[in-house]
């Protein structure tokens, strides 16, 4: 019996899925056994402490300064913090360690933009790492086209 749906032969589609299912399953199992883990996979353990949204941001390189303060404008506590850059269907992440101290600054979190041409989206280096909380830190990120971008910082 030849089953058709929207111009697709369902028998051929089912056969292709069956042929790919075992290799796909083995690939997934191998990746899970390597010990690689997404640090944000357990969202319940992560706390959003800072977020910056760039609406219709042009292509280029950005240097973002984070003043070490949370959403309530209080200094964060020492520990590990994850920076997550999201652009369309792209996501990149890295972490930084915050330590006590630093010269207190009243500077606001902000960014600098450099009009340059790039081929990939990328979350760059976070400096310094570790950073003194009151001094803040900078992170570089690249946008390969005009898009909305979100930079989120989570406490581990």
C-alpha atoms as a PDB file:
ATOM      1  CA  UNK A   1       0.000   0.000   0.000  1.00  0.00           C
ATOM      2  CA  UNK A   2       1.493   3.295  -1.107  1.00  0.00           C
ATOM      3  CA  UNK A   3       0.687   6.055   1.423  1.00  0.00           C
ATOM      4  CA  UNK A   4       1.055   9.644   0.295  1.00  0.00           C
ATOM      5  CA  UNK A   5       0.947  12.749   2.472  1.00  0.00           C
ATOM      6  CA  UNK A   6       1.592  16.216   1.077  1.00  0.00           C
ATOM      7  CA  UNK A   7       3.535  14.678  -1.784  1.00  0.00           C
ATOM      8  CA  UNK A   8       5.763  12.542   0.482  1.00  0.00           C
ATOM      9  CA  UNK A   9       5.936   8.787   0.303  1.00  0.00           C
ATOM     10  CA  UNK A  10       5.491   7.834   3.978  1.00  0.00           C
ATOM     11  CA  UNK A  11       6.910   4.348   3.509  1.00  0.00           C
ATOM     12  CA  UNK A  12      10.209   5.764   2.216  1.00  0.00           C
ATOM     13  CA  UNK A  13      10.255   8.333   5.017  1.00  0.00           C
ATOM     14  CA  UNK A  14       9.681   5.644   7.677  1.00  0.00           C
ATOM     15  CA  UNK A  15      12.451   3.511   6.147  1.00  0.00           C
ATOM     16  CA  UNK A  16      14.901   6.429   6.209  1.00  0.00           C
ATOM     17  CA  UNK A  17      14.060   7.173   9.842  1.00  0.00           C
ATOM     18  CA  UNK A  18      14.555   3.517  10.838  1.00  0.00           C
ATOM     19  CA  UNK A  19      17.920   3.358   9.062  1.00  0.00           C
ATOM     20  CA  UNK A  20      19.146   6.530  10.786  1.00  0.00           C
ATOM     21  CA  UNK A  21      17.677   5.837  14.234  1.00  0.00           C
ATOM     22  CA  UNK A  22      20.296   3.339  15.415  1.00  0.00           C
ATOM     23  CA  UNK A  23      23.378   5.365  14.319  1.00  0.00           C
ATOM     24  CA  UNK A  24      21.787   8.539  15.726  1.00  0.00           C
ATOM     25  CA  UNK A  25      21.089   6.761  19.015  1.00  0.00           C
ATOM     26  CA  UNK A  26      24.712   5.533  19.199  1.00  0.00           C
ATOM     27  CA  UNK A  27      26.035   9.013  18.472  1.00  0.00           C
ATOM     28  CA  UNK A  28      23.874  10.531  21.233  1.00  0.00           C
ATOM     29  CA  UNK A  29      24.939   7.823  23.694  1.00  0.00           C
ATOM     30  CA  UNK A  30      28.612   8.382  22.860  1.00  0.00           C
ATOM     31  CA  UNK A  31      28.303  12.138  23.383  1.00  0.00           C
ATOM     32  CA  UNK A  32      26.545  11.662  26.718  1.00  0.00           C
ATOM     33  CA  UNK A  33      29.262   9.273  27.910  1.00  0.00           C
ATOM     34  CA  UNK A  34      32.118  11.691  27.160  1.00  0.00           C
ATOM     35  CA  UNK A  35      31.372  13.672  30.303  1.00  0.00           C
ATOM     36  CA  UNK A  36      30.592  16.842  28.368  1.00  0.00           C
ATOM     37  CA  UNK A  37      27.874  18.769  30.109  1.00  0.00           C
ATOM     38  CA  UNK A  38      26.015  21.970  29.442  1.00  0.00           C
ATOM     39  CA  UNK A  39      26.433  24.082  32.590  1.00  0.00           C
ATOM     40  CA  UNK A  40      22.991  25.600  32.046  1.00  0.00           C
ATOM     41  CA  UNK A  41      21.212  22.274  31.586  1.00  0.00           C
ATOM     42  CA  UNK A  42      20.082  22.337  35.199  1.00  0.00           C
ATOM     43  CA  UNK A  43      18.396  25.740  35.091  1.00  0.00           C
ATOM     44  CA  UNK A  44      17.024  25.338  38.611  1.00  0.00           C
ATOM     45  CA  UNK A  45      20.545  25.652  40.037  1.00  0.00           C
ATOM     46  CA  UNK A  46      21.443  28.772  38.082  1.00  0.00           C
ATOM     47  CA  UNK A  47      20.368  32.263  39.078  1.00  0.00           C
ATOM     48  CA  UNK A  48      20.155  35.079  36.536  1.00  0.00           C
ATOM     49  CA  UNK A  49      22.137  37.990  37.970  1.00  0.00           C
ATOM     50  CA  UNK A  50      22.529  40.342  34.993  1.00  0.00           C
ATOM     51  CA  UNK A  51      21.172  40.679  31.465  1.00  0.00           C
ATOM     52  CA  UNK A  52      21.837  43.000  28.546  1.00  0.00           C
ATOM     53  CA  UNK A  53      19.694  42.953  25.405  1.00  0.00           C
ATOM     54  CA  UNK A  54      20.881  44.524  22.158  1.00  0.00           C
ATOM     55  CA  UNK A  55      17.940  45.143  19.812  1.00  0.00           C
ATOM     56  CA  UNK A  56      18.757  45.305  16.097  1.00  0.00           C
ATOM     57  CA  UNK A  57      22.482  45.396  16.873  1.00  0.00           C
ATOM     58  CA  UNK A  58      24.687  45.918  13.800  1.00  0.00           C
ATOM     59  CA  UNK A  59      27.410  43.508  12.701  1.00  0.00           C
ATOM     60  CA  UNK A  60      30.661  44.091  14.529  1.00  0.00           C
ATOM     61  CA  UNK A  61      32.745  43.545  17.632  1.00  0.00           C
ATOM     62  CA  UNK A  62      31.417  44.553  21.039  1.00  0.00           C
ATOM     63  CA  UNK A  63      33.270  44.973  24.315  1.00  0.00           C
ATOM     64  CA  UNK A  64      30.835  44.781  27.231  1.00  0.00           C
ATOM     65  CA  UNK A  65      31.803  45.962  30.713  1.00  0.00           C
ATOM     66  CA  UNK A  66      29.988  44.329  33.636  1.00  0.00           C
ATOM     67  CA  UNK A  67      30.313  46.263  36.882  1.00  0.00           C
ATOM     68  CA  UNK A  68      29.861  43.175  39.075  1.00  0.00           C
ATOM     69  CA  UNK A  69      26.351  44.146  40.155  1.00  0.00           C
ATOM     70  CA  UNK A  70      23.186  42.052  40.002  1.00  0.00           C
ATOM     71  CA  UNK A  71      19.690  42.983  38.799  1.00  0.00           C
ATOM     72  CA  UNK A  72      19.026  44.773  42.125  1.00  0.00           C
ATOM     73  CA  UNK A  73      22.241  46.827  41.691  1.00  0.00           C
ATOM     74  CA  UNK A  74      24.027  44.989  44.552  1.00  0.00           C
ATOM     75  CA  UNK A  75      27.514  43.538  44.214  1.00  0.00           C
ATOM     76  CA  UNK A  76      27.461  39.808  43.536  1.00  0.00           C
ATOM     77  CA  UNK A  77      29.050  37.294  45.893  1.00  0.00           C
ATOM     78  CA  UNK A  78      32.314  35.481  45.112  1.00  0.00           C
ATOM     79  CA  UNK A  79      31.887  32.405  42.933  1.00  0.00           C
ATOM     80  CA  UNK A  80      31.513  31.152  39.376  1.00  0.00           C
ATOM     81  CA  UNK A  81      29.454  33.109  36.826  1.00  0.00           C
ATOM     82  CA  UNK A  82      28.406  31.956  33.348  1.00  0.00           C
ATOM     83  CA  UNK A  83      28.178  34.410  30.450  1.00  0.00           C
ATOM     84  CA  UNK A  84      25.731  33.264  27.772  1.00  0.00           C
ATOM     85  CA  UNK A  85      25.459  34.980  24.384  1.00  0.00           C
ATOM     86  CA  UNK A  86      22.298  34.247  22.373  1.00  0.00           C
ATOM     87  CA  UNK A  87      21.838  35.419  18.786  1.00  0.00           C
ATOM     88  CA  UNK A  88      18.970  33.902  16.756  1.00  0.00           C
ATOM     89  CA  UNK A  89      19.648  30.137  16.845  1.00  0.00           C
ATOM     90  CA  UNK A  90      23.260  30.591  18.067  1.00  0.00           C
ATOM     91  CA  UNK A  91      24.351  30.220  21.688  1.00  0.00           C
ATOM     92  CA  UNK A  92      27.832  30.397  23.199  1.00  0.00           C
ATOM     93  CA  UNK A  93      28.883  30.406  26.830  1.00  0.00           C
ATOM     94  CA  UNK A  94      31.920  30.801  29.039  1.00  0.00           C
ATOM     95  CA  UNK A  95      32.511  31.362  32.714  1.00  0.00           C
ATOM     96  CA  UNK A  96      34.449  33.685  34.995  1.00  0.00           C
ATOM     97  CA  UNK A  97      35.328  33.506  38.674  1.00  0.00           C
ATOM     98  CA  UNK A  98      34.511  36.466  40.905  1.00  0.00           C
ATOM     99  CA  UNK A  99      36.683  37.110  43.960  1.00  0.00           C
ATOM    100  CA  UNK A 100      36.412  39.603  46.822  1.00  0.00           C
ATOM    101  CA  UNK A 101      37.875  43.056  46.487  1.00  0.00           C
ATOM    102  CA  UNK A 102      38.775  45.525  43.803  1.00  0.00           C
ATOM    103  CA  UNK A 103      38.539  49.286  43.734  1.00  0.00           C
ATOM    104  CA  UNK A 104      34.894  50.301  44.059  1.00  0.00           C
ATOM    105  CA  UNK A 105      33.551  51.935  40.931  1.00  0.00           C
ATOM    106  CA  UNK A 106      30.290  53.715  40.236  1.00  0.00           C
ATOM    107  CA  UNK A 107      30.561  52.870  36.531  1.00  0.00           C
ATOM    108  CA  UNK A 108      27.447  51.455  34.914  1.00  0.00           C
ATOM    109  CA  UNK A 109      27.531  48.271  32.864  1.00  0.00           C
ATOM    110  CA  UNK A 110      27.893  49.336  29.245  1.00  0.00           C
ATOM    111  CA  UNK A 111      29.427  48.423  25.890  1.00  0.00           C
ATOM    112  CA  UNK A 112      31.653  49.745  23.121  1.00  0.00           C
ATOM    113  CA  UNK A 113      30.964  48.935  19.475  1.00  0.00           C
ATOM    114  CA  UNK A 114      33.526  48.548  16.692  1.00  0.00           C
ATOM    115  CA  UNK A 115      32.244  48.572  13.112  1.00  0.00           C
ATOM    116  CA  UNK A 116      33.988  45.531  11.675  1.00  0.00           C
ATOM    117  CA  UNK A 117      33.004  42.659   9.367  1.00  0.00           C
ATOM    118  CA  UNK A 118      32.847  39.160  10.869  1.00  0.00           C
ATOM    119  CA  UNK A 119      31.795  35.765   9.518  1.00  0.00           C
ATOM    120  CA  UNK A 120      30.734  34.094  12.765  1.00  0.00           C
ATOM    121  CA  UNK A 121      28.951  34.940  15.986  1.00  0.00           C
ATOM    122  CA  UNK A 122      31.244  34.416  18.941  1.00  0.00           C
ATOM    123  CA  UNK A 123      31.548  34.997  22.661  1.00  0.00           C
ATOM    124  CA  UNK A 124      35.127  36.084  23.291  1.00  0.00           C
ATOM    125  CA  UNK A 125      37.429  36.361  26.244  1.00  0.00           C
ATOM    126  CA  UNK A 126      36.264  37.473  29.682  1.00  0.00           C
ATOM    127  CA  UNK A 127      38.941  39.564  31.366  1.00  0.00           C
ATOM    128  CA  UNK A 128      40.316  39.506  33.938  1.00  0.00           C
ATOM    129  CA  UNK A 129      39.562  35.989  35.084  1.00  0.00           C
ATOM    130  CA  UNK A 130      39.299  35.783  38.041  1.00  0.00           C
ATOM    131  CA  UNK A 131      38.067  39.336  38.532  1.00  0.00           C
ATOM    132  CA  UNK A 132      37.699  41.440  41.707  1.00  0.00           C
ATOM    133  CA  UNK A 133      33.957  41.959  42.151  1.00  0.00           C
ATOM    134  CA  UNK A 134      34.003  45.710  42.761  1.00  0.00           C
ATOM    135  CA  UNK A 135      36.301  46.339  39.772  1.00  0.00           C
ATOM    136  CA  UNK A 136      34.117  44.474  37.250  1.00  0.00           C
ATOM    137  CA  UNK A 137      35.177  42.661  34.094  1.00  0.00           C
ATOM    138  CA  UNK A 138      34.844  42.894  30.321  1.00  0.00           C
ATOM    139  CA  UNK A 139      33.684  40.376  27.747  1.00  0.00           C
ATOM    140  CA  UNK A 140      34.120  40.634  24.000  1.00  0.00           C
ATOM    141  CA  UNK A 141      31.521  39.281  21.607  1.00  0.00           C
ATOM    142  CA  UNK A 142      31.087  39.334  17.859  1.00  0.00           C
ATOM    143  CA  UNK A 143      27.938  39.554  15.760  1.00  0.00           C
ATOM    144  CA  UNK A 144      28.172  38.429  12.135  1.00  0.00           C
ATOM    145  CA  UNK A 145      25.076  40.320  11.053  1.00  0.00           C
ATOM    146  CA  UNK A 146      22.447  42.731  12.207  1.00  0.00           C
ATOM    147  CA  UNK A 147      20.374  40.952  14.845  1.00  0.00           C
ATOM    148  CA  UNK A 148      18.954  41.056  18.332  1.00  0.00           C
ATOM    149  CA  UNK A 149      21.446  39.662  20.834  1.00  0.00           C
ATOM    150  CA  UNK A 150      21.173  38.848  24.514  1.00  0.00           C
ATOM    151  CA  UNK A 151      24.033  38.569  26.969  1.00  0.00           C
ATOM    152  CA  UNK A 152      22.987  36.867  30.208  1.00  0.00           C
ATOM    153  CA  UNK A 153      25.067  36.277  33.322  1.00  0.00           C
ATOM    154  CA  UNK A 154      24.144  33.429  35.666  1.00  0.00           C
ATOM    155  CA  UNK A 155      25.511  32.571  39.085  1.00  0.00           C
ATOM    156  CA  UNK A 156      26.475  28.936  39.572  1.00  0.00           C
END
